[in-house]
Amino acid sequence: MSTKVARSVEPANGATTNRSALQSQADATSVQALKARATLLQSQLDFVQACDELTRAMGRIPQ
């Protein structure tokens, strides 16, 4: 997953600061999205493993 931020020519001195702030926000948002995805995947893995464990406890073979 990649995030692209358009860059333009800075019209004023404060534009560089604003661009840096926006890039920082974009980076933080990307990190948050990746952490959320990792948490979801871990939860899905935990669920599948729990189902397999329960299936084995009942004497069946997991699919």
N, C-alpha and C. Protein backbone atom coordinates (compact mmCIF):
# COMPACT_ATOMS: atom_id res chain seq x y z
N MET A 1 0.85 -1.17 0.00
CA MET A 1 0.00 0.00 0.00
C MET A 1 0.89 1.22 0.00
N SER A 2 0.71 2.11 -0.96
CA SER A 2 1.53 3.30 -0.98
C SER A 2 0.64 4.52 -1.07
N THR A 3 1.14 5.61 -0.54
CA THR A 3 0.41 6.86 -0.56
C THR A 3 1.25 7.86 -1.33
N LYS A 4 0.64 8.49 -2.31
CA LYS A 4 1.34 9.49 -3.08
C LYS A 4 0.76 10.85 -2.75
N VAL A 5 1.63 11.80 -2.53
CA VAL A 5 1.20 13.15 -2.23
C VAL A 5 1.74 14.05 -3.34
N ALA A 6 0.86 14.82 -3.95
CA ALA A 6 1.27 15.71 -5.02
C ALA A 6 2.14 16.83 -4.46
N ARG A 7 3.19 17.13 -5.16
CA ARG A 7 4.09 18.21 -4.74
C ARG A 7 3.99 19.33 -5.77
N SER A 8 3.98 20.55 -5.28
CA SER A 8 3.89 21.70 -6.17
C SER A 8 4.97 22.71 -5.80
N VAL A 9 5.12 23.70 -6.64
CA VAL A 9 6.08 24.77 -6.38
C VAL A 9 5.56 25.63 -5.25
N GLU A 10 6.43 25.93 -4.28
CA GLU A 10 6.00 26.71 -3.12
C GLU A 10 5.88 28.19 -3.49
N PRO A 11 4.70 28.77 -3.30
CA PRO A 11 4.53 30.19 -3.62
C PRO A 11 4.99 31.13 -2.51
N ALA A 12 5.15 30.62 -1.29
CA ALA A 12 5.52 31.48 -0.18
C ALA A 12 6.43 30.72 0.78
N ASN A 13 7.04 31.41 1.73
CA ASN A 13 7.96 30.80 2.67
C ASN A 13 7.29 29.74 3.55
N GLY A 14 6.05 29.93 3.92
CA GLY A 14 5.36 28.99 4.79
C GLY A 14 4.90 27.73 4.07
N ALA A 15 4.98 27.72 2.75
CA ALA A 15 4.51 26.56 1.99
C ALA A 15 5.32 25.31 2.29
N THR A 16 6.61 25.46 2.51
CA THR A 16 7.45 24.30 2.82
C THR A 16 7.02 23.68 4.14
N THR A 17 6.74 24.51 5.13
CA THR A 17 6.28 24.02 6.43
C THR A 17 4.93 23.31 6.29
N ASN A 18 4.04 23.90 5.50
CA ASN A 18 2.73 23.29 5.29
C ASN A 18 2.86 21.94 4.58
N ARG A 19 3.75 21.88 3.59
CA ARG A 19 3.96 20.64 2.86
C ARG A 19 4.52 19.57 3.79
N SER A 20 5.45 19.96 4.65
CA SER A 20 6.04 19.01 5.60
C SER A 20 4.98 18.50 6.58
N ALA A 21 4.11 19.39 7.02
CA ALA A 21 3.04 19.01 7.95
C ALA A 21 2.07 18.05 7.27
N LEU A 22 1.73 18.33 6.02
CA LEU A 22 0.82 17.45 5.29
C LEU A 22 1.45 16.09 5.03
N GLN A 23 2.75 16.09 4.71
CA GLN A 23 3.44 14.83 4.48
C GLN A 23 3.49 14.01 5.76
N SER A 24 3.73 14.69 6.88
CA SER A 24 3.76 14.02 8.17
C SER A 24 2.40 13.41 8.50
N GLN A 25 1.34 14.13 8.22
CA GLN A 25 -0.01 13.61 8.45
C GLN A 25 -0.29 12.42 7.55
N ALA A 26 0.13 12.51 6.30
CA ALA A 26 -0.08 11.40 5.36
C ALA A 26 0.69 10.17 5.83
N ASP A 27 1.92 10.36 6.29
CA ASP A 27 2.72 9.24 6.79
C ASP A 27 2.07 8.62 8.02
N ALA A 28 1.59 9.44 8.93
CA ALA A 28 0.94 8.94 10.14
C ALA A 28 -0.32 8.16 9.80
N THR A 29 -1.06 8.63 8.82
CA THR A 29 -2.28 7.94 8.38
C THR A 29 -1.93 6.60 7.77
N SER A 30 -0.86 6.54 6.97
CA SER A 30 -0.44 5.28 6.37
C SER A 30 -0.02 4.29 7.44
N VAL A 31 0.71 4.75 8.44
CA VAL A 31 1.13 3.88 9.53
C VAL A 31 -0.09 3.34 10.27
N GLN A 32 -1.04 4.20 10.54
CA GLN A 32 -2.25 3.79 11.25
C GLN A 32 -3.02 2.75 10.44
N ALA A 33 -3.13 2.94 9.13
CA ALA A 33 -3.84 1.99 8.27
C ALA A 33 -3.12 0.65 8.25
N LEU A 34 -1.80 0.66 8.18
CA LEU A 34 -1.04 -0.59 8.18
C LEU A 34 -1.17 -1.33 9.51
N LYS A 35 -1.16 -0.60 10.61
CA LYS A 35 -1.34 -1.23 11.92
C LYS A 35 -2.73 -1.84 12.04
N ALA A 36 -3.74 -1.15 11.53
CA ALA A 36 -5.10 -1.68 11.57
C ALA A 36 -5.20 -2.95 10.74
N ARG A 37 -4.57 -2.95 9.58
CA ARG A 37 -4.58 -4.14 8.70
C ARG A 37 -3.87 -5.31 9.39
N ALA A 38 -2.74 -5.03 10.03
CA ALA A 38 -1.99 -6.08 10.74
C ALA A 38 -2.82 -6.65 11.88
N THR A 39 -3.52 -5.79 12.59
CA THR A 39 -4.38 -6.25 13.68
C THR A 39 -5.51 -7.13 13.16
N LEU A 40 -6.11 -6.73 12.05
CA LEU A 40 -7.18 -7.53 11.44
C LEU A 40 -6.65 -8.90 11.02
N LEU A 41 -5.51 -8.92 10.36
CA LEU A 41 -4.94 -10.20 9.92
C LEU A 41 -4.60 -11.10 11.10
N GLN A 42 -4.07 -10.51 12.17
CA GLN A 42 -3.75 -11.30 13.36
C GLN A 42 -5.01 -11.88 13.98
N SER A 43 -6.08 -11.09 14.01
CA SER A 43 -7.35 -11.56 14.56
C SER A 43 -7.91 -12.71 13.72
N GLN A 44 -7.80 -12.59 12.40
CA GLN A 44 -8.28 -13.65 11.53
C GLN A 44 -7.47 -14.94 11.73
N LEU A 45 -6.16 -14.80 11.86
CA LEU A 45 -5.31 -15.96 12.11
C LEU A 45 -5.67 -16.61 13.45
N ASP A 46 -5.84 -15.81 14.48
CA ASP A 46 -6.21 -16.33 15.80
C ASP A 46 -7.53 -17.10 15.73
N PHE A 47 -8.48 -16.58 14.98
CA PHE A 47 -9.78 -17.23 14.84
C PHE A 47 -9.64 -18.59 14.17
N VAL A 48 -8.89 -18.64 13.08
CA VAL A 48 -8.70 -19.90 12.35
C VAL A 48 -7.98 -20.92 13.23
N GLN A 49 -6.97 -20.46 13.97
CA GLN A 49 -6.25 -21.37 14.85
C GLN A 49 -7.15 -21.89 15.98
N ALA A 50 -8.01 -21.04 16.51
CA ALA A 50 -8.94 -21.47 17.55
C ALA A 50 -9.93 -22.49 17.01
N CYS A 51 -10.41 -22.27 15.79
CA CYS A 51 -11.34 -23.22 15.17
C CYS A 51 -10.66 -24.57 14.96
N ASP A 52 -9.42 -24.55 14.49
CA ASP A 52 -8.67 -25.80 14.31
C ASP A 52 -8.47 -26.51 15.64
N GLU A 53 -8.13 -25.76 16.67
CA GLU A 53 -7.92 -26.36 17.99
C GLU A 53 -9.21 -27.00 18.51
N LEU A 54 -10.33 -26.32 18.33
CA LEU A 54 -11.62 -26.86 18.76
C LEU A 54 -11.96 -28.11 17.96
N THR A 55 -11.73 -28.07 16.66
CA THR A 55 -12.01 -29.22 15.80
C THR A 55 -11.18 -30.43 16.24
N ARG A 56 -9.89 -30.20 16.53
CA ARG A 56 -9.02 -31.29 17.00
C ARG A 56 -9.49 -31.82 18.36
N ALA A 57 -9.95 -30.93 19.22
CA ALA A 57 -10.43 -31.34 20.55
C ALA A 57 -11.67 -32.23 20.43
N MET A 58 -12.44 -32.05 19.36
CA MET A 58 -13.62 -32.89 19.14
C MET A 58 -13.26 -34.17 18.42
N GLY A 59 -11.97 -34.38 18.11
CA GLY A 59 -11.53 -35.61 17.47
C GLY A 59 -11.65 -35.60 15.96
N ARG A 60 -11.82 -34.46 15.38
CA ARG A 60 -11.92 -34.35 13.92
C ARG A 60 -10.61 -33.80 13.35
N ILE A 61 -10.49 -33.88 12.05
CA ILE A 61 -9.31 -33.33 11.36
C ILE A 61 -9.70 -31.98 10.76
N PRO A 62 -8.95 -30.92 11.10
CA PRO A 62 -9.26 -29.59 10.52
C PRO A 62 -9.12 -29.60 9.00
N GLN A 63 -9.92 -28.80 8.36
CA GLN A 63 -9.87 -28.71 6.89
C GLN A 63 -8.84 -27.74 6.43
